[in-house]
Amino acid sequence: MVNTCQDCGNQAKKDCAHMRCRTCCKSRGFQCQTHVKSTWVPAAKRRERQQQLAAAAAAAQQHRHHHHHQQRQHQQLIDKPRRLTP
């Protein structure tokens, strides 16, 4: 059984006590918990976000590796015994 909106005839949420679609329920000012905005994100957006996060993590990793390498080279220069020239 499909619930139809009493105002516009569109599909109403089955749990809506006002028997209305989200648009009509909101426009009439009903505080209906059934029509809370969804947090669902399209797969394409999720993939895009995951790629951005992966790229940022890789850049941070590369930066840390480069910094560590510089520190190690610096320490080697300090630890290296100096030759005394005659």
PDB file of N, CA and C in Angstrom:
ATOM      1  N   MET A   1       0.840  -1.187   0.000  1.00  0.00           N
ATOM      2  CA  MET A   1       0.000   0.000   0.000  1.00  0.00           C
ATOM      3  C   MET A   1       0.883   1.248   0.000  1.00  0.00           C
ATOM      4  N   VAL A   2       0.656   2.128  -0.939  1.00  0.00           N
ATOM      5  CA  VAL A   2       1.432   3.353  -1.060  1.00  0.00           C
ATOM      6  C   VAL A   2       0.646   4.496  -0.434  1.00  0.00           C
ATOM      7  N   ASN A   3       1.292   5.202   0.468  1.00  0.00           N
ATOM      8  CA  ASN A   3       0.659   6.366   1.086  1.00  0.00           C
ATOM      9  C   ASN A   3       0.832   7.556   0.159  1.00  0.00           C
ATOM     10  N   THR A   4      -0.254   8.259  -0.083  1.00  0.00           N
ATOM     11  CA  THR A   4      -0.174   9.448  -0.928  1.00  0.00           C
ATOM     12  C   THR A   4      -0.413  10.695  -0.088  1.00  0.00           C
ATOM     13  N   CYS A   5       0.283  11.752  -0.466  1.00  0.00           N
ATOM     14  CA  CYS A   5       0.190  13.029   0.236  1.00  0.00           C
ATOM     15  C   CYS A   5      -1.227  13.586   0.102  1.00  0.00           C
ATOM     16  N   GLN A   6      -1.802  14.042   1.209  1.00  0.00           N
ATOM     17  CA  GLN A   6      -3.153  14.605   1.197  1.00  0.00           C
ATOM     18  C   GLN A   6      -3.215  15.942   0.464  1.00  0.00           C
ATOM     19  N   ASP A   7      -2.076  16.603   0.303  1.00  0.00           N
ATOM     20  CA  ASP A   7      -2.064  17.910  -0.367  1.00  0.00           C
ATOM     21  C   ASP A   7      -1.797  17.807  -1.862  1.00  0.00           C
ATOM     22  N   CYS A   8      -0.714  17.108  -2.231  1.00  0.00           N
ATOM     23  CA  CYS A   8      -0.299  17.137  -3.639  1.00  0.00           C
ATOM     24  C   CYS A   8      -0.434  15.800  -4.364  1.00  0.00           C
ATOM     25  N   GLY A   9      -0.645  14.717  -3.634  1.00  0.00           N
ATOM     26  CA  GLY A   9      -0.800  13.412  -4.271  1.00  0.00           C
ATOM     27  C   GLY A   9       0.507  12.659  -4.483  1.00  0.00           C
ATOM     28  N   ASN A  10       1.640  13.280  -4.181  1.00  0.00           N
ATOM     29  CA  ASN A  10       2.922  12.573  -4.272  1.00  0.00           C
ATOM     30  C   ASN A  10       3.006  11.506  -3.194  1.00  0.00           C
ATOM     31  N   GLN A  11       4.033  10.692  -3.274  1.00  0.00           N
ATOM     32  CA  GLN A  11       4.189   9.624  -2.286  1.00  0.00           C
ATOM     33  C   GLN A  11       4.537  10.222  -0.928  1.00  0.00           C
ATOM     34  N   ALA A  12       3.791   9.800   0.084  1.00  0.00           N
ATOM     35  CA  ALA A  12       4.041  10.254   1.451  1.00  0.00           C
ATOM     36  C   ALA A  12       4.848   9.192   2.178  1.00  0.00           C
ATOM     37  N   LYS A  13       5.626   9.619   3.161  1.00  0.00           N
ATOM     38  CA  LYS A  13       6.373   8.659   3.966  1.00  0.00           C
ATOM     39  C   LYS A  13       5.376   7.829   4.763  1.00  0.00           C
ATOM     40  N   LYS A  14       5.652   6.523   4.860  1.00  0.00           N
ATOM     41  CA  LYS A  14       4.696   5.640   5.540  1.00  0.00           C
ATOM     42  C   LYS A  14       4.562   5.951   7.024  1.00  0.00           C
ATOM     43  N   ASP A  15       5.622   6.531   7.635  1.00  0.00           N
ATOM     44  CA  ASP A  15       5.577   6.821   9.067  1.00  0.00           C
ATOM     45  C   ASP A  15       5.067   8.224   9.389  1.00  0.00           C
ATOM     46  N   CYS A  16       4.747   9.011   8.370  1.00  0.00           N
ATOM     47  CA  CYS A  16       4.310  10.388   8.607  1.00  0.00           C
ATOM     48  C   CYS A  16       2.896  10.403   9.189  1.00  0.00           C
ATOM     49  N   ALA A  17       2.768  10.974  10.386  1.00  0.00           N
ATOM     50  CA  ALA A  17       1.470  11.045  11.061  1.00  0.00           C
ATOM     51  C   ALA A  17       0.516  11.994  10.341  1.00  0.00           C
ATOM     52  N   HIS A  18       1.061  12.918   9.542  1.00  0.00           N
ATOM     53  CA  HIS A  18       0.238  13.905   8.839  1.00  0.00           C
ATOM     54  C   HIS A  18      -0.148  13.430   7.437  1.00  0.00           C
ATOM     55  N   MET A  19       0.372  12.281   7.042  1.00  0.00           N
ATOM     56  CA  MET A  19       0.106  11.677   5.729  1.00  0.00           C
ATOM     57  C   MET A  19       0.405  12.656   4.595  1.00  0.00           C
ATOM     58  N   ARG A  20       1.630  13.210   4.637  1.00  0.00           N
ATOM     59  CA  ARG A  20       2.065  14.152   3.609  1.00  0.00           C
ATOM     60  C   ARG A  20       3.486  13.828   3.165  1.00  0.00           C
ATOM     61  N   CYS A  21       3.828  14.337   1.981  1.00  0.00           N
ATOM     62  CA  CYS A  21       5.204  14.202   1.509  1.00  0.00           C
ATOM     63  C   CYS A  21       6.071  15.194   2.295  1.00  0.00           C
ATOM     64  N   ARG A  22       7.368  15.061   2.164  1.00  0.00           N
ATOM     65  CA  ARG A  22       8.291  15.924   2.910  1.00  0.00           C
ATOM     66  C   ARG A  22       8.045  17.402   2.610  1.00  0.00           C
ATOM     67  N   THR A  23       7.899  17.734   1.335  1.00  0.00           N
ATOM     68  CA  THR A  23       7.727  19.134   0.937  1.00  0.00           C
ATOM     69  C   THR A  23       6.476  19.747   1.557  1.00  0.00           C
ATOM     70  N   CYS A  24       5.354  19.047   1.451  1.00  0.00           N
ATOM     71  CA  CYS A  24       4.095  19.586   1.988  1.00  0.00           C
ATOM     72  C   CYS A  24       4.107  19.622   3.512  1.00  0.00           C
ATOM     73  N   CYS A  25       4.709  18.622   4.131  1.00  0.00           N
ATOM     74  CA  CYS A  25       4.787  18.575   5.593  1.00  0.00           C
ATOM     75  C   CYS A  25       5.596  19.777   6.101  1.00  0.00           C
ATOM     76  N   LYS A  26       6.715  20.035   5.440  1.00  0.00           N
ATOM     77  CA  LYS A  26       7.562  21.164   5.844  1.00  0.00           C
ATOM     78  C   LYS A  26       6.877  22.502   5.556  1.00  0.00           C
ATOM     79  N   SER A  27       6.225  22.610   4.391  1.00  0.00           N
ATOM     80  CA  SER A  27       5.604  23.890   4.030  1.00  0.00           C
ATOM     81  C   SER A  27       4.443  24.239   4.958  1.00  0.00           C
ATOM     82  N   ARG A  28       3.792  23.245   5.534  1.00  0.00           N
ATOM     83  CA  ARG A  28       2.707  23.501   6.492  1.00  0.00           C
ATOM     84  C   ARG A  28       3.243  23.736   7.905  1.00  0.00           C
ATOM     85  N   GLY A  29       4.558  23.558   8.079  1.00  0.00           N
ATOM     86  CA  GLY A  29       5.167  23.842   9.379  1.00  0.00           C
ATOM     87  C   GLY A  29       5.062  22.720  10.393  1.00  0.00           C
ATOM     88  N   PHE A  30       4.712  21.520   9.945  1.00  0.00           N
ATOM     89  CA  PHE A  30       4.642  20.390  10.874  1.00  0.00           C
ATOM     90  C   PHE A  30       6.057  19.995  11.300  1.00  0.00           C
ATOM     91  N   GLN A  31       6.247  19.768  12.582  1.00  0.00           N
ATOM     92  CA  GLN A  31       7.540  19.309  13.099  1.00  0.00           C
ATOM     93  C   GLN A  31       7.529  17.781  13.103  1.00  0.00           C
ATOM     94  N   CYS A  32       7.698  17.222  11.928  1.00  0.00           N
ATOM     95  CA  CYS A  32       7.579  15.777  11.752  1.00  0.00           C
ATOM     96  C   CYS A  32       8.966  15.139  11.699  1.00  0.00           C
ATOM     97  N   GLN A  33       9.238  14.243  12.621  1.00  0.00           N
ATOM     98  CA  GLN A  33      10.545  13.576  12.671  1.00  0.00           C
ATOM     99  C   GLN A  33      10.767  12.633  11.494  1.00  0.00           C
ATOM    100  N   THR A  34       9.698  12.264  10.819  1.00  0.00           N
ATOM    101  CA  THR A  34       9.811  11.363   9.669  1.00  0.00           C
ATOM    102  C   THR A  34      10.569  12.023   8.530  1.00  0.00           C
ATOM    103  N   HIS A  35      10.462  13.327   8.419  1.00  0.00           N
ATOM    104  CA  HIS A  35      11.040  14.035   7.281  1.00  0.00           C
ATOM    105  C   HIS A  35      12.373  14.715   7.580  1.00  0.00           C
ATOM    106  N   VAL A  36      13.103  14.189   8.543  1.00  0.00           N
ATOM    107  CA  VAL A  36      14.431  14.725   8.828  1.00  0.00           C
ATOM    108  C   VAL A  36      15.288  14.495   7.595  1.00  0.00           C
ATOM    109  N   LYS A  37      16.062  15.511   7.227  1.00  0.00           N
ATOM    110  CA  LYS A  37      16.870  15.419   6.008  1.00  0.00           C
ATOM    111  C   LYS A  37      17.829  14.233   6.090  1.00  0.00           C
ATOM    112  N   SER A  38      17.913  13.509   5.023  1.00  0.00           N
ATOM    113  CA  SER A  38      18.753  12.320   4.958  1.00  0.00           C
ATOM    114  C   SER A  38      20.230  12.683   4.970  1.00  0.00           C
ATOM    115  N   THR A  39      21.036  11.811   5.566  1.00  0.00           N
ATOM    116  CA  THR A  39      22.485  12.003   5.566  1.00  0.00           C
ATOM    117  C   THR A  39      23.136  11.158   4.479  1.00  0.00           C
ATOM    118  N   TRP A  40      22.331  10.519   3.651  1.00  0.00           N
ATOM    119  CA  TRP A  40      22.841   9.684   2.570  1.00  0.00           C
ATOM    120  C   TRP A  40      23.607  10.536   1.574  1.00  0.00           C
ATOM    121  N   VAL A  41      24.742  10.026   1.143  1.00  0.00           N
ATOM    122  CA  VAL A  41      25.581  10.735   0.176  1.00  0.00           C
ATOM    123  C   VAL A  41      25.738   9.841  -1.045  1.00  0.00           C
ATOM    124  N   PRO A  42      25.556  10.376  -2.249  1.00  0.00           N
ATOM    125  CA  PRO A  42      25.708   9.563  -3.454  1.00  0.00           C
ATOM    126  C   PRO A  42      27.104   8.943  -3.532  1.00  0.00           C
ATOM    127  N   ALA A  43      27.184   7.763  -4.141  1.00  0.00           N
ATOM    128  CA  ALA A  43      28.446   7.028  -4.233  1.00  0.00           C
ATOM    129  C   ALA A  43      29.535   7.850  -4.914  1.00  0.00           C
ATOM    130  N   ALA A  44      29.183   8.601  -5.939  1.00  0.00           N
ATOM    131  CA  ALA A  44      30.180   9.409  -6.652  1.00  0.00           C
ATOM    132  C   ALA A  44      30.800  10.447  -5.716  1.00  0.00           C
ATOM    133  N   LYS A  45      29.984  11.061  -4.876  1.00  0.00           N
ATOM    134  CA  LYS A  45      30.492  12.049  -3.922  1.00  0.00           C
ATOM    135  C   LYS A  45      31.370  11.376  -2.868  1.00  0.00           C
ATOM    136  N   ARG A  46      30.946  10.174  -2.406  1.00  0.00           N
ATOM    137  CA  ARG A  46      31.748   9.444  -1.422  1.00  0.00           C
ATOM    138  C   ARG A  46      33.117   9.110  -1.999  1.00  0.00           C
ATOM    139  N   ARG A  47      33.134   8.619  -3.259  1.00  0.00           N
ATOM    140  CA  ARG A  47      34.413   8.278  -3.901  1.00  0.00           C
ATOM    141  C   ARG A  47      35.301   9.510  -4.026  1.00  0.00           C
ATOM    142  N   GLU A  48      34.699  10.627  -4.444  1.00  0.00           N
ATOM    143  CA  GLU A  48      35.456  11.871  -4.595  1.00  0.00           C
ATOM    144  C   GLU A  48      36.070  12.284  -3.257  1.00  0.00           C
ATOM    145  N   ARG A  49      35.288  12.197  -2.207  1.00  0.00           N
ATOM    146  CA  ARG A  49      35.763  12.570  -0.867  1.00  0.00           C
ATOM    147  C   ARG A  49      36.871  11.628  -0.403  1.00  0.00           C
ATOM    148  N   GLN A  50      36.701  10.318  -0.652  1.00  0.00           N
ATOM    149  CA  GLN A  50      37.722   9.351  -0.260  1.00  0.00           C
ATOM    150  C   GLN A  50      39.027   9.605  -1.006  1.00  0.00           C
ATOM    151  N   GLN A  51      38.932   9.964  -2.282  1.00  0.00           N
ATOM    152  CA  GLN A  51      40.134  10.259  -3.068  1.00  0.00           C
ATOM    153  C   GLN A  51      40.833  11.505  -2.530  1.00  0.00           C
ATOM    154  N   GLN A  52      40.057  12.507  -2.150  1.00  0.00           N
ATOM    155  CA  GLN A  52      40.647  13.722  -1.583  1.00  0.00           C
ATOM    156  C   GLN A  52      41.364  13.411  -0.271  1.00  0.00           C
ATOM    157  N   LEU A  53      40.724  12.601   0.573  1.00  0.00           N
ATOM    158  CA  LEU A  53      41.338  12.244   1.850  1.00  0.00           C
ATOM    159  C   LEU A  53      42.603  11.423   1.642  1.00  0.00           C
ATOM    160  N   ALA A  54      42.562  10.494   0.683  1.00  0.00           N
ATOM    161  CA  ALA A  54      43.729   9.658   0.393  1.00  0.00           C
ATOM    162  C   ALA A  54      44.882  10.509  -0.132  1.00  0.00           C
ATOM    163  N   ALA A  55      44.586  11.467  -0.999  1.00  0.00           N
ATOM    164  CA  ALA A  55      45.624  12.346  -1.540  1.00  0.00           C
ATOM    165  C   ALA A  55      46.233  13.204  -0.434  1.00  0.00           C
ATOM    166  N   ALA A  56      45.400  13.707   0.458  1.00  0.00           N
ATOM    167  CA  ALA A  56      45.896  14.526   1.568  1.00  0.00           C
ATOM    168  C   ALA A  56      46.767  13.693   2.503  1.00  0.00           C
ATOM    169  N   ALA A  57      46.354  12.460   2.777  1.00  0.00           N
ATOM    170  CA  ALA A  57      47.136  11.577   3.642  1.00  0.00           C
ATOM    171  C   ALA A  57      48.480  11.242   2.998  1.00  0.00           C
ATOM    172  N   ALA A  58      48.481  10.994   1.694  1.00  0.00           N
ATOM    173  CA  ALA A  58      49.724  10.682   0.983  1.00  0.00           C
ATOM    174  C   ALA A  58      50.667  11.880   1.004  1.00  0.00           C
ATOM    175  N   ALA A  59      50.129  13.075   0.830  1.00  0.00           N
ATOM    176  CA  ALA A  59      50.956  14.284   0.860  1.00  0.00           C
ATOM    177  C   ALA A  59      51.560  14.487   2.247  1.00  0.00           C
ATOM    178  N   ALA A  60      50.774  14.253   3.284  1.00  0.00           N
ATOM    179  CA  ALA A  60      51.276  14.395   4.652  1.00  0.00           C
ATOM    180  C   ALA A  60      52.358  13.359   4.933  1.00  0.00           C
ATOM    181  N   GLN A  61      52.140  12.144   4.467  1.00  0.00           N
ATOM    182  CA  GLN A  61      53.123  11.068   4.644  1.00  0.00           C
ATOM    183  C   GLN A  61      54.428  11.438   3.945  1.00  0.00           C
ATOM    184  N   GLN A  62      54.323  11.943   2.729  1.00  0.00           N
ATOM    185  CA  GLN A  62      55.507  12.318   1.958  1.00  0.00           C
ATOM    186  C   GLN A  62      56.249  13.465   2.659  1.00  0.00           C
ATOM    187  N   HIS A  63      55.505  14.411   3.192  1.00  0.00           N
ATOM    188  CA  HIS A  63      56.112  15.534   3.905  1.00  0.00           C
ATOM    189  C   HIS A  63      56.866  15.037   5.138  1.00  0.00           C
ATOM    190  N   ARG A  64      56.250  14.129   5.911  1.00  0.00           N
ATOM    191  CA  ARG A  64      56.903  13.585   7.104  1.00  0.00           C
ATOM    192  C   ARG A  64      58.169  12.827   6.728  1.00  0.00           C
ATOM    193  N   HIS A  65      58.096  12.031   5.654  1.00  0.00           N
ATOM    194  CA  HIS A  65      59.244  11.247   5.208  1.00  0.00           C
ATOM    195  C   HIS A  65      60.382  12.182   4.792  1.00  0.00           C
ATOM    196  N   HIS A  66      60.061  13.224   4.045  1.00  0.00           N
ATOM    197  CA  HIS A  66      61.069  14.179   3.581  1.00  0.00           C
ATOM    198  C   HIS A  66      61.716  14.883   4.774  1.00  0.00           C
ATOM    199  N   HIS A  67      60.913  15.300   5.741  1.00  0.00           N
ATOM    200  CA  HIS A  67      61.414  15.990   6.932  1.00  0.00           C
ATOM    201  C   HIS A  67      62.330  15.064   7.728  1.00  0.00           C
ATOM    202  N   HIS A  68      61.931  13.808   7.902  1.00  0.00           N
ATOM    203  CA  HIS A  68      62.736  12.830   8.641  1.00  0.00           C
ATOM    204  C   HIS A  68      64.067  12.610   7.930  1.00  0.00           C
ATOM    205  N   HIS A  69      64.035  12.517   6.604  1.00  0.00           N
ATOM    206  CA  HIS A  69      65.245  12.306   5.810  1.00  0.00           C
ATOM    207  C   HIS A  69      66.199  13.491   5.988  1.00  0.00           C
ATOM    208  N   GLN A  70      65.671  14.709   5.981  1.00  0.00           N
ATOM    209  CA  GLN A  70      66.504  15.896   6.178  1.00  0.00           C
ATOM    210  C   GLN A  70      67.140  15.894   7.565  1.00  0.00           C
ATOM    211  N   GLN A  71      66.373  15.524   8.571  1.00  0.00           N
ATOM    212  CA  GLN A  71      66.901  15.479   9.933  1.00  0.00           C
ATOM    213  C   GLN A  71      68.026  14.457  10.033  1.00  0.00           C
ATOM    214  N   ARG A  72      67.832  13.306   9.411  1.00  0.00           N
ATOM    215  CA  ARG A  72      68.841  12.250   9.450  1.00  0.00           C
ATOM    216  C   ARG A  72      70.127  12.709   8.766  1.00  0.00           C
ATOM    217  N   GLN A  73      70.005  13.374   7.627  1.00  0.00           N
ATOM    218  CA  GLN A  73      71.191  13.876   6.928  1.00  0.00           C
ATOM    219  C   GLN A  73      71.920  14.912   7.785  1.00  0.00           C
ATOM    220  N   HIS A  74      71.166  15.766   8.415  1.00  0.00           N
ATOM    221  CA  HIS A  74      71.752  16.792   9.270  1.00  0.00           C
ATOM    222  C   HIS A  74      72.503  16.141  10.433  1.00  0.00           C
ATOM    223  N   GLN A  75      71.891  15.138  11.051  1.00  0.00           N
ATOM    224  CA  GLN A  75      72.519  14.452  12.181  1.00  0.00           C
ATOM    225  C   GLN A  75      73.791  13.740  11.734  1.00  0.00           C
ATOM    226  N   GLN A  76      73.780  13.160  10.543  1.00  0.00           N
ATOM    227  CA  GLN A  76      74.969  12.487  10.023  1.00  0.00           C
ATOM    228  C   GLN A  76      76.105  13.485   9.828  1.00  0.00           C
ATOM    229  N   LEU A  77      75.783  14.679   9.376  1.00  0.00           N
ATOM    230  CA  LEU A  77      76.814  15.702   9.208  1.00  0.00           C
ATOM    231  C   LEU A  77      77.415  16.111  10.551  1.00  0.00           C
ATOM    232  N   ILE A  78      76.575  16.182  11.557  1.00  0.00           N
ATOM    233  CA  ILE A  78      77.048  16.553  12.891  1.00  0.00           C
ATOM    234  C   ILE A  78      77.925  15.444  13.467  1.00  0.00           C
ATOM    235  N   ASP A  79      77.490  14.193  13.303  1.00  0.00           N
ATOM    236  CA  ASP A  79      78.202  13.053  13.875  1.00  0.00           C
ATOM    237  C   ASP A  79      79.474  12.690  13.114  1.00  0.00           C
ATOM    238  N   LYS A  80      79.597  13.113  11.905  1.00  0.00           N
ATOM    239  CA  LYS A  80      80.736  12.754  11.063  1.00  0.00           C
ATOM    240  C   LYS A  80      82.017  13.368  11.644  1.00  0.00           C
ATOM    241  N   PRO A  81      83.046  12.540  11.844  1.00  0.00           N
ATOM    242  CA  PRO A  81      84.293  13.112  12.384  1.00  0.00           C
ATOM    243  C   PRO A  81      84.929  14.053  11.363  1.00  0.00           C
ATOM    244  N   ARG A  82      85.417  15.138  11.842  1.00  0.00           N
ATOM    245  CA  ARG A  82      86.034  16.122  10.963  1.00  0.00           C
ATOM    246  C   ARG A  82      87.500  15.762  10.748  1.00  0.00           C
ATOM    247  N   ARG A  83      87.891  15.917   9.532  1.00  0.00           N
ATOM    248  CA  ARG A  83      89.297  15.686   9.210  1.00  0.00           C
ATOM    249  C   ARG A  83      90.075  16.971   9.479  1.00  0.00           C
ATOM    250  N   LEU A  84      91.152  16.778  10.055  1.00  0.00           N
ATOM    251  CA  LEU A  84      92.019  17.925  10.262  1.00  0.00           C
ATOM    252  C   LEU A  84      93.028  17.952   9.125  1.00  0.00           C
ATOM    253  N   THR A  85      93.099  19.036   8.464  1.00  0.00           N
ATOM    254  CA  THR A  85      94.056  19.146   7.361  1.00  0.00           C
ATOM    255  C   THR A  85      95.380  19.670   7.903  1.00  0.00           C
ATOM    256  N   PRO A  86      96.481  19.107   7.400  1.00  0.00           N
ATOM    257  CA  PRO A  86      97.789  19.546   7.922  1.00  0.00           C
ATOM    258  C   PRO A  86      98.169  20.926   7.475  1.00  0.00           C
TER     259      PRO A  86
END
